[in-house]
């Protein structure tokens, strides 16, 4: 008799709830390696599709008409925070939270990079003297953002003005602090989801 049928035949509601939780947990733990690889592959494909959409928006949105750099950066960080919170909620409720966390991280990181690249484009348009390269294209800004994130620092593009250096400093701090916190939050959400799926103590 399958666990599902046994749960359905159970008369006591508490026993039925425990049985369903145990069955649900077993379904997760008995996930075959091939199925796990397929789920992770699908998650990464969805994250890739999200990244493609975000990059397309980055190149299509009228960033050239935006002049208020602090508002642009603040709005971008608020969007990033909201996306992270939504992802946490989805992870906690997901059937396979670890797989969902991989997808969430793979989608959140490009958003973080593109938000700062958008801020650098806005700063370069507001004042070309903010950076050593004139003009700073969107591809240049994205390239500069990734070099800051990866701490490569080729030096071909540098922040020249005090305001540009301040924004770059904010990005470097968030690279170390915020993304680490996001990863920890995603891992905590996975652990919480697994605890909720575990049967209560007898």
Protein backbone atom coordinates (compact mmCIF):
# COMPACT_ATOMS: atom_id res chain seq x y z
CA UNK A 1 0.00 0.00 0.00
CA UNK A 2 1.41 3.39 -0.93
CA UNK A 3 1.97 6.10 1.64
CA UNK A 4 -0.57 8.31 -0.09
CA UNK A 5 -3.34 5.70 0.10
CA UNK A 6 -2.50 5.01 3.73
CA UNK A 7 -2.81 8.70 4.53
CA UNK A 8 -6.14 8.92 2.78
CA UNK A 9 -7.51 5.97 4.80
CA UNK A 10 -6.36 7.38 8.11
CA UNK A 11 -9.30 8.53 10.20
CA UNK A 12 -7.54 10.72 12.76
CA UNK A 13 -6.80 14.22 11.43
CA UNK A 14 -3.55 14.60 13.38
CA UNK A 15 -2.34 11.19 12.23
CA UNK A 16 -3.31 12.10 8.68
CA UNK A 17 -1.31 15.34 8.92
CA UNK A 18 1.77 13.54 10.24
CA UNK A 19 1.44 10.88 7.58
CA UNK A 20 1.16 13.44 4.80
CA UNK A 21 4.24 15.28 6.13
CA UNK A 22 6.25 12.06 6.27
CA UNK A 23 5.18 11.12 2.74
CA UNK A 24 5.99 14.61 1.49
CA UNK A 25 9.43 14.42 3.10
CA UNK A 26 10.02 10.97 1.65
CA UNK A 27 9.11 12.26 -1.80
CA UNK A 28 11.89 14.83 -1.44
CA UNK A 29 14.51 12.48 -0.02
CA UNK A 30 13.78 9.75 -2.60
CA UNK A 31 14.40 12.10 -5.51
CA UNK A 32 16.44 10.18 -8.06
CA UNK A 33 19.78 11.70 -9.18
CA UNK A 34 18.53 11.96 -12.78
CA UNK A 35 15.39 13.75 -11.64
CA UNK A 36 17.45 16.05 -9.42
CA UNK A 37 19.73 16.93 -12.33
CA UNK A 38 16.72 17.57 -14.54
CA UNK A 39 15.12 19.88 -11.97
CA UNK A 40 18.38 21.81 -11.48
CA UNK A 41 18.81 22.08 -15.25
CA UNK A 42 15.28 23.46 -15.64
CA UNK A 43 15.89 25.91 -12.81
CA UNK A 44 19.07 27.17 -14.45
CA UNK A 45 17.27 27.49 -17.80
CA UNK A 46 14.57 29.60 -16.15
CA UNK A 47 17.25 31.72 -14.50
CA UNK A 48 18.98 32.12 -17.87
CA UNK A 49 15.71 33.23 -19.45
CA UNK A 50 15.24 35.76 -16.64
CA UNK A 51 18.77 37.05 -17.20
CA UNK A 52 18.15 37.45 -20.95
CA UNK A 53 15.01 39.48 -20.22
CA UNK A 54 16.84 41.67 -17.70
CA UNK A 55 19.72 42.33 -20.10
CA UNK A 56 17.25 43.18 -22.86
CA UNK A 57 15.50 45.65 -20.55
CA UNK A 58 18.87 47.13 -19.61
CA UNK A 59 19.64 47.90 -23.25
CA UNK A 60 16.09 49.00 -24.15
CA UNK A 61 15.02 51.18 -21.23
CA UNK A 62 15.49 54.95 -21.76
CA UNK A 63 18.31 55.36 -19.24
CA UNK A 64 19.72 58.26 -21.27
CA UNK A 65 16.84 60.45 -20.12
CA UNK A 66 17.38 59.79 -16.40
CA UNK A 67 19.48 62.42 -14.63
CA UNK A 68 18.83 61.81 -10.91
CA UNK A 69 21.50 59.31 -9.93
CA UNK A 70 20.68 58.91 -6.20
CA UNK A 71 17.01 58.24 -6.92
CA UNK A 72 17.94 55.74 -9.65
CA UNK A 73 20.31 53.86 -7.37
CA UNK A 74 17.93 53.92 -4.40
CA UNK A 75 15.04 52.69 -6.54
CA UNK A 76 17.22 49.92 -7.93
CA UNK A 77 18.25 48.74 -4.47
CA UNK A 78 14.61 48.76 -3.32
CA UNK A 79 13.69 46.63 -6.35
CA UNK A 80 16.53 44.25 -5.52
CA UNK A 81 15.34 43.96 -1.91
CA UNK A 82 11.75 43.28 -2.96
CA UNK A 83 12.86 40.63 -5.45
CA UNK A 84 14.96 38.94 -2.76
CA UNK A 85 12.02 38.94 -0.34
CA UNK A 86 9.69 37.45 -2.95
CA UNK A 87 12.29 34.80 -3.74
CA UNK A 88 12.58 33.91 -0.05
CA UNK A 89 8.82 33.45 0.19
CA UNK A 90 8.82 31.22 -2.89
CA UNK A 91 11.73 29.12 -1.56
CA UNK A 92 9.97 28.47 1.76
CA UNK A 93 6.83 27.25 -0.04
CA UNK A 94 8.60 25.31 -2.80
CA UNK A 95 8.40 21.54 -2.99
CA UNK A 96 12.13 21.39 -3.73
CA UNK A 97 13.51 24.43 -1.88
CA UNK A 98 17.20 23.78 -2.61
CA UNK A 99 16.56 23.72 -6.36
CA UNK A 100 14.44 26.84 -6.09
CA UNK A 101 17.21 28.58 -4.13
CA UNK A 102 19.69 27.87 -6.94
CA UNK A 103 17.28 29.45 -9.42
CA UNK A 104 16.70 32.44 -7.13
CA UNK A 105 20.41 33.11 -6.69
CA UNK A 106 21.08 32.71 -10.41
CA UNK A 107 18.41 35.33 -11.14
CA UNK A 108 19.22 37.76 -8.30
CA UNK A 109 22.92 38.16 -9.12
CA UNK A 110 22.38 39.47 -12.69
CA UNK A 111 19.76 41.89 -11.38
CA UNK A 112 22.27 43.23 -8.86
CA UNK A 113 24.92 43.76 -11.54
CA UNK A 114 22.51 45.34 -14.01
CA UNK A 115 21.18 47.78 -11.41
CA UNK A 116 24.66 49.15 -10.78
CA UNK A 117 25.44 49.19 -14.49
CA UNK A 118 22.29 51.29 -14.96
CA UNK A 119 23.46 53.67 -12.25
CA UNK A 120 26.85 54.07 -13.95
CA UNK A 121 25.19 54.75 -17.31
CA UNK A 122 23.03 57.41 -15.66
CA UNK A 123 26.07 59.00 -14.02
CA UNK A 124 28.03 59.02 -17.29
CA UNK A 125 25.13 60.67 -19.09
CA UNK A 126 24.69 63.26 -16.35
CA UNK A 127 28.40 64.12 -16.35
CA UNK A 128 30.90 62.43 -18.72
CA UNK A 129 33.73 63.46 -16.38
CA UNK A 130 32.53 60.91 -13.79
CA UNK A 131 34.52 58.17 -15.56
CA UNK A 132 37.80 58.00 -17.41
CA UNK A 133 36.20 56.70 -20.62
CA UNK A 134 34.13 59.04 -22.82
CA UNK A 135 31.50 58.18 -23.77
CA UNK A 136 30.63 55.33 -21.43
CA UNK A 137 28.29 53.00 -23.33
CA UNK A 138 25.92 50.53 -21.70
CA UNK A 139 28.27 47.69 -22.58
CA UNK A 140 31.16 49.62 -21.04
CA UNK A 141 29.13 50.21 -17.87
CA UNK A 142 28.18 46.53 -17.61
CA UNK A 143 31.80 45.51 -18.19
CA UNK A 144 32.96 47.97 -15.50
CA UNK A 145 30.34 46.65 -13.06
CA UNK A 146 31.49 43.06 -13.55
CA UNK A 147 35.17 44.00 -13.11
CA UNK A 148 34.32 45.74 -9.82
CA UNK A 149 32.24 42.75 -8.70
CA UNK A 150 34.99 40.26 -9.56
CA UNK A 151 37.71 42.55 -8.09
CA UNK A 152 39.71 42.19 -11.32
CA UNK A 153 40.31 45.91 -11.77
CA UNK A 154 41.96 46.17 -15.18
CA UNK A 155 42.12 49.94 -14.85
CA UNK A 156 40.93 50.70 -18.39
CA UNK A 157 37.77 52.28 -16.92
CA UNK A 158 38.01 54.08 -13.61
CA UNK A 159 35.76 56.25 -11.48
CA UNK A 160 37.18 59.78 -11.57
CA UNK A 161 34.77 62.05 -9.71
CA UNK A 162 34.07 61.83 -5.99
CA UNK A 163 30.42 60.88 -6.57
CA UNK A 164 31.37 58.06 -8.97
CA UNK A 165 33.94 56.72 -6.53
CA UNK A 166 31.33 56.81 -3.78
CA UNK A 167 28.90 54.73 -5.84
CA UNK A 168 31.66 52.26 -6.72
CA UNK A 169 32.51 52.00 -3.02
CA UNK A 170 28.86 51.24 -2.26
CA UNK A 171 28.90 48.49 -4.87
CA UNK A 172 32.07 46.97 -3.42
CA UNK A 173 30.59 46.96 0.08
CA UNK A 174 27.37 45.40 -1.17
CA UNK A 175 29.40 42.83 -3.11
CA UNK A 176 30.89 41.67 0.19
CA UNK A 177 27.99 42.23 2.56
CA UNK A 178 24.62 42.19 0.83
CA UNK A 179 25.21 39.23 -1.48
CA UNK A 180 26.62 37.24 1.42
CA UNK A 181 23.48 38.00 3.40
CA UNK A 182 21.29 37.07 0.44
CA UNK A 183 23.03 33.70 0.13
CA UNK A 184 22.65 33.08 3.86
CA UNK A 185 18.98 34.08 3.68
CA UNK A 186 18.35 31.68 0.79
CA UNK A 187 20.09 28.87 2.68
CA UNK A 188 18.03 29.68 5.78
CA UNK A 189 14.85 29.59 3.70
CA UNK A 190 15.80 26.15 2.41
CA UNK A 191 16.37 24.91 5.96
CA UNK A 192 13.05 26.41 7.10
CA UNK A 193 11.19 24.73 4.24
CA UNK A 194 12.73 21.39 5.16
CA UNK A 195 11.83 21.84 8.83
CA UNK A 196 8.24 22.62 7.90
CA UNK A 197 8.09 19.45 5.80
CA UNK A 198 9.47 17.32 8.63
CA UNK A 199 6.93 15.44 10.78
CA UNK A 200 6.23 16.91 14.24
CA UNK A 201 7.71 15.04 17.22
CA UNK A 202 5.46 12.34 18.67
